[in-house]
Amino acid sequence: MAADRRCDTCERDVTREDAIRTKTMGDLDPAKWQSLCCPNCGRRLETVFVGREG
């Protein structure tokens, strides 16, 4: 089972599978990084590496 992330805005536990994936902000390469957001309120929960190294 995937670890839950806790949304502090709507006080909901969100699994990685349920999270909405969006492009990152700033200079991060969107092919390598994604933001995981709460499906209930849209708050960003975590930015994760999704690309391959090397």
PDB file of N, CA and C in Angstrom:
ATOM      1  N   MET A   1       0.846  -1.192   0.000  1.00  0.00           N
ATOM      2  CA  MET A   1       0.000   0.000   0.000  1.00  0.00           C
ATOM      3  C   MET A   1       0.885   1.247   0.000  1.00  0.00           C
ATOM      4  N   ALA A   2       0.518   2.226  -0.813  1.00  0.00           N
ATOM      5  CA  ALA A   2       1.283   3.463  -0.906  1.00  0.00           C
ATOM      6  C   ALA A   2       1.095   4.309   0.345  1.00  0.00           C
ATOM      7  N   ALA A   3       2.130   5.018   0.686  1.00  0.00           N
ATOM      8  CA  ALA A   3       2.059   5.894   1.857  1.00  0.00           C
ATOM      9  C   ALA A   3       1.110   7.048   1.568  1.00  0.00           C
ATOM     10  N   ASP A   4       0.325   7.418   2.560  1.00  0.00           N
ATOM     11  CA  ASP A   4      -0.603   8.534   2.413  1.00  0.00           C
ATOM     12  C   ASP A   4       0.112   9.854   2.648  1.00  0.00           C
ATOM     13  N   ARG A   5      -0.368  10.852   1.970  1.00  0.00           N
ATOM     14  CA  ARG A   5       0.033  12.225   2.226  1.00  0.00           C
ATOM     15  C   ARG A   5      -1.151  12.886   2.898  1.00  0.00           C
ATOM     16  N   ARG A   6      -0.902  13.805   3.779  1.00  0.00           N
ATOM     17  CA  ARG A   6      -1.968  14.471   4.518  1.00  0.00           C
ATOM     18  C   ARG A   6      -2.140  15.883   3.972  1.00  0.00           C
ATOM     19  N   CYS A   7      -3.355  16.210   3.556  1.00  0.00           N
ATOM     20  CA  CYS A   7      -3.659  17.566   3.113  1.00  0.00           C
ATOM     21  C   CYS A   7      -4.025  18.379   4.343  1.00  0.00           C
ATOM     22  N   ASP A   8      -3.233  19.390   4.630  1.00  0.00           N
ATOM     23  CA  ASP A   8      -3.494  20.229   5.799  1.00  0.00           C
ATOM     24  C   ASP A   8      -4.654  21.188   5.583  1.00  0.00           C
ATOM     25  N   THR A   9      -5.013  21.429   4.325  1.00  0.00           N
ATOM     26  CA  THR A   9      -6.111  22.349   4.030  1.00  0.00           C
ATOM     27  C   THR A   9      -7.474  21.714   4.302  1.00  0.00           C
ATOM     28  N   CYS A  10      -7.695  20.504   3.771  1.00  0.00           N
ATOM     29  CA  CYS A  10      -9.004  19.866   3.962  1.00  0.00           C
ATOM     30  C   CYS A  10      -8.932  18.659   4.895  1.00  0.00           C
ATOM     31  N   GLU A  11      -7.758  18.450   5.512  1.00  0.00           N
ATOM     32  CA  GLU A  11      -7.557  17.387   6.497  1.00  0.00           C
ATOM     33  C   GLU A  11      -7.947  16.008   5.969  1.00  0.00           C
ATOM     34  N   ARG A  12      -7.436  15.706   4.776  1.00  0.00           N
ATOM     35  CA  ARG A  12      -7.738  14.439   4.124  1.00  0.00           C
ATOM     36  C   ARG A  12      -6.444  13.683   3.850  1.00  0.00           C
ATOM     37  N   ASP A  13      -6.462  12.363   4.018  1.00  0.00           N
ATOM     38  CA  ASP A  13      -5.341  11.520   3.622  1.00  0.00           C
ATOM     39  C   ASP A  13      -5.502  11.188   2.143  1.00  0.00           C
ATOM     40  N   VAL A  14      -4.425  11.351   1.390  1.00  0.00           N
ATOM     41  CA  VAL A  14      -4.462  11.142  -0.056  1.00  0.00           C
ATOM     42  C   VAL A  14      -3.363  10.152  -0.433  1.00  0.00           C
ATOM     43  N   THR A  15      -3.729   9.079  -1.123  1.00  0.00           N
ATOM     44  CA  THR A  15      -2.731   8.133  -1.606  1.00  0.00           C
ATOM     45  C   THR A  15      -2.095   8.697  -2.879  1.00  0.00           C
ATOM     46  N   ARG A  16      -0.943   8.180  -3.221  1.00  0.00           N
ATOM     47  CA  ARG A  16      -0.255   8.609  -4.435  1.00  0.00           C
ATOM     48  C   ARG A  16      -1.129   8.348  -5.667  1.00  0.00           C
ATOM     49  N   GLU A  17      -1.860   7.248  -5.655  1.00  0.00           N
ATOM     50  CA  GLU A  17      -2.722   6.898  -6.786  1.00  0.00           C
ATOM     51  C   GLU A  17      -3.892   7.867  -6.948  1.00  0.00           C
ATOM     52  N   ASP A  18      -4.409   8.399  -5.843  1.00  0.00           N
ATOM     53  CA  ASP A  18      -5.550   9.319  -5.891  1.00  0.00           C
ATOM     54  C   ASP A  18      -5.146  10.767  -6.153  1.00  0.00           C
ATOM     55  N   ALA A  19      -3.887  11.102  -5.916  1.00  0.00           N
ATOM     56  CA  ALA A  19      -3.422  12.479  -6.078  1.00  0.00           C
ATOM     57  C   ALA A  19      -3.494  12.904  -7.542  1.00  0.00           C
ATOM     58  N   ILE A  20      -3.758  14.172  -7.741  1.00  0.00           N
ATOM     59  CA  ILE A  20      -3.768  14.762  -9.076  1.00  0.00           C
ATOM     60  C   ILE A  20      -2.329  15.149  -9.412  1.00  0.00           C
ATOM     61  N   ARG A  21      -1.870  14.747 -10.590  1.00  0.00           N
ATOM     62  CA  ARG A  21      -0.511  15.073 -11.011  1.00  0.00           C
ATOM     63  C   ARG A  21      -0.540  16.304 -11.896  1.00  0.00           C
ATOM     64  N   THR A  22       0.315  17.283 -11.569  1.00  0.00           N
ATOM     65  CA  THR A  22       0.387  18.518 -12.342  1.00  0.00           C
ATOM     66  C   THR A  22       1.839  18.853 -12.634  1.00  0.00           C
ATOM     67  N   LYS A  23       2.052  19.777 -13.555  1.00  0.00           N
ATOM     68  CA  LYS A  23       3.400  20.257 -13.843  1.00  0.00           C
ATOM     69  C   LYS A  23       3.917  21.028 -12.639  1.00  0.00           C
ATOM     70  N   THR A  24       5.223  21.017 -12.481  1.00  0.00           N
ATOM     71  CA  THR A  24       5.835  21.765 -11.387  1.00  0.00           C
ATOM     72  C   THR A  24       5.961  23.233 -11.750  1.00  0.00           C
ATOM     73  N   MET A  25       6.165  24.053 -10.741  1.00  0.00           N
ATOM     74  CA  MET A  25       6.399  25.473 -10.952  1.00  0.00           C
ATOM     75  C   MET A  25       7.906  25.719 -10.938  1.00  0.00           C
ATOM     76  N   GLY A  26       8.318  26.839 -11.460  1.00  0.00           N
ATOM     77  CA  GLY A  26       9.727  27.191 -11.424  1.00  0.00           C
ATOM     78  C   GLY A  26      10.507  26.549 -12.547  1.00  0.00           C
ATOM     79  N   ASP A  27      11.776  26.284 -12.277  1.00  0.00           N
ATOM     80  CA  ASP A  27      12.686  25.799 -13.302  1.00  0.00           C
ATOM     81  C   ASP A  27      12.835  24.283 -13.345  1.00  0.00           C
ATOM     82  N   LEU A  28      11.994  23.542 -12.640  1.00  0.00           N
ATOM     83  CA  LEU A  28      12.101  22.082 -12.657  1.00  0.00           C
ATOM     84  C   LEU A  28      11.629  21.530 -14.001  1.00  0.00           C
ATOM     85  N   ASP A  29      12.328  20.545 -14.523  1.00  0.00           N
ATOM     86  CA  ASP A  29      12.000  19.900 -15.793  1.00  0.00           C
ATOM     87  C   ASP A  29      10.719  19.080 -15.617  1.00  0.00           C
ATOM     88  N   PRO A  30       9.626  19.417 -16.320  1.00  0.00           N
ATOM     89  CA  PRO A  30       8.364  18.693 -16.153  1.00  0.00           C
ATOM     90  C   PRO A  30       8.426  17.235 -16.618  1.00  0.00           C
ATOM     91  N   ALA A  31       9.451  16.872 -17.405  1.00  0.00           N
ATOM     92  CA  ALA A  31       9.622  15.474 -17.806  1.00  0.00           C
ATOM     93  C   ALA A  31      10.229  14.654 -16.669  1.00  0.00           C
ATOM     94  N   LYS A  32      10.808  15.331 -15.679  1.00  0.00           N
ATOM     95  CA  LYS A  32      11.459  14.640 -14.565  1.00  0.00           C
ATOM     96  C   LYS A  32      10.749  14.848 -13.230  1.00  0.00           C
ATOM     97  N   TRP A  33       9.959  15.901 -13.115  1.00  0.00           N
ATOM     98  CA  TRP A  33       9.315  16.235 -11.833  1.00  0.00           C
ATOM     99  C   TRP A  33       7.825  16.473 -12.033  1.00  0.00           C
ATOM    100  N   GLN A  34       7.023  16.057 -11.063  1.00  0.00           N
ATOM    101  CA  GLN A  34       5.584  16.329 -11.050  1.00  0.00           C
ATOM    102  C   GLN A  34       5.177  16.719  -9.639  1.00  0.00           C
ATOM    103  N   SER A  35       4.145  17.547  -9.578  1.00  0.00           N
ATOM    104  CA  SER A  35       3.567  17.883  -8.282  1.00  0.00           C
ATOM    105  C   SER A  35       2.364  16.982  -8.049  1.00  0.00           C
ATOM    106  N   LEU A  36       2.238  16.480  -6.833  1.00  0.00           N
ATOM    107  CA  LEU A  36       1.058  15.705  -6.440  1.00  0.00           C
ATOM    108  C   LEU A  36       0.156  16.640  -5.643  1.00  0.00           C
ATOM    109  N   CYS A  37      -1.102  16.737  -6.077  1.00  0.00           N
ATOM    110  CA  CYS A  37      -2.045  17.665  -5.453  1.00  0.00           C
ATOM    111  C   CYS A  37      -3.262  16.921  -4.926  1.00  0.00           C
ATOM    112  N   CYS A  38      -3.888  17.496  -3.924  1.00  0.00           N
ATOM    113  CA  CYS A  38      -5.087  16.916  -3.311  1.00  0.00           C
ATOM    114  C   CYS A  38      -6.232  16.914  -4.324  1.00  0.00           C
ATOM    115  N   PRO A  39      -6.912  15.771  -4.521  1.00  0.00           N
ATOM    116  CA  PRO A  39      -8.030  15.716  -5.459  1.00  0.00           C
ATOM    117  C   PRO A  39      -9.276  16.432  -4.933  1.00  0.00           C
ATOM    118  N   ASN A  40      -9.313  16.726  -3.644  1.00  0.00           N
ATOM    119  CA  ASN A  40     -10.460  17.386  -3.038  1.00  0.00           C
ATOM    120  C   ASN A  40     -10.375  18.909  -3.163  1.00  0.00           C
ATOM    121  N   CYS A  41      -9.215  19.483  -2.806  1.00  0.00           N
ATOM    122  CA  CYS A  41      -9.106  20.947  -2.790  1.00  0.00           C
ATOM    123  C   CYS A  41      -8.051  21.496  -3.747  1.00  0.00           C
ATOM    124  N   GLY A  42      -7.182  20.629  -4.297  1.00  0.00           N
ATOM    125  CA  GLY A  42      -6.177  21.067  -5.254  1.00  0.00           C
ATOM    126  C   GLY A  42      -4.861  21.525  -4.653  1.00  0.00           C
ATOM    127  N   ARG A  43      -4.733  21.522  -3.341  1.00  0.00           N
ATOM    128  CA  ARG A  43      -3.494  21.970  -2.693  1.00  0.00           C
ATOM    129  C   ARG A  43      -2.339  21.045  -3.062  1.00  0.00           C
ATOM    130  N   ARG A  44      -1.151  21.645  -3.326  1.00  0.00           N
ATOM    131  CA  ARG A  44       0.037  20.848  -3.630  1.00  0.00           C
ATOM    132  C   ARG A  44       0.491  20.133  -2.373  1.00  0.00           C
ATOM    133  N   LEU A  45       0.666  18.812  -2.485  1.00  0.00           N
ATOM    134  CA  LEU A  45       1.078  17.993  -1.349  1.00  0.00           C
ATOM    135  C   LEU A  45       2.562  17.700  -1.370  1.00  0.00           C
ATOM    136  N   GLU A  46       3.107  17.464  -2.562  1.00  0.00           N
ATOM    137  CA  GLU A  46       4.490  17.022  -2.674  1.00  0.00           C
ATOM    138  C   GLU A  46       4.942  17.143  -4.119  1.00  0.00           C
ATOM    139  N   THR A  47       6.223  17.401  -4.324  1.00  0.00           N
ATOM    140  CA  THR A  47       6.825  17.349  -5.649  1.00  0.00           C
ATOM    141  C   THR A  47       7.713  16.110  -5.680  1.00  0.00           C
ATOM    142  N   VAL A  48       7.511  15.267  -6.703  1.00  0.00           N
ATOM    143  CA  VAL A  48       8.227  13.990  -6.772  1.00  0.00           C
ATOM    144  C   VAL A  48       9.011  13.865  -8.073  1.00  0.00           C
ATOM    145  N   PHE A  49      10.127  13.133  -8.004  1.00  0.00           N
ATOM    146  CA  PHE A  49      10.952  12.846  -9.175  1.00  0.00           C
ATOM    147  C   PHE A  49      10.347  11.679  -9.928  1.00  0.00           C
ATOM    148  N   VAL A  50      10.081  11.860 -11.226  1.00  0.00           N
ATOM    149  CA  VAL A  50       9.474  10.803 -12.036  1.00  0.00           C
ATOM    150  C   VAL A  50      10.358  10.411 -13.222  1.00  0.00           C
ATOM    151  N   GLY A  51      11.450  11.118 -13.424  1.00  0.00           N
ATOM    152  CA  GLY A  51      12.340  10.837 -14.551  1.00  0.00           C
ATOM    153  C   GLY A  51      13.422   9.847 -14.168  1.00  0.00           C
ATOM    154  N   ARG A  52      14.145   9.438 -15.164  1.00  0.00           N
ATOM    155  CA  ARG A  52      15.270   8.525 -14.940  1.00  0.00           C
ATOM    156  C   ARG A  52      16.548   9.314 -14.805  1.00  0.00           C
ATOM    157  N   GLU A  53      17.407   8.855 -13.926  1.00  0.00           N
ATOM    158  CA  GLU A  53      18.710   9.487 -13.766  1.00  0.00           C
ATOM    159  C   GLU A  53      19.698   8.855 -14.737  1.00  0.00           C
ATOM    160  N   GLY A  54      20.601   9.687 -15.234  1.00  0.00           N
ATOM    161  CA  GLY A  54      21.729   9.222 -15.997  1.00  0.00           C
ATOM    162  C   GLY A  54      21.498   8.634 -17.286  1.00  0.00           C
TER     163      GLY A  54
END
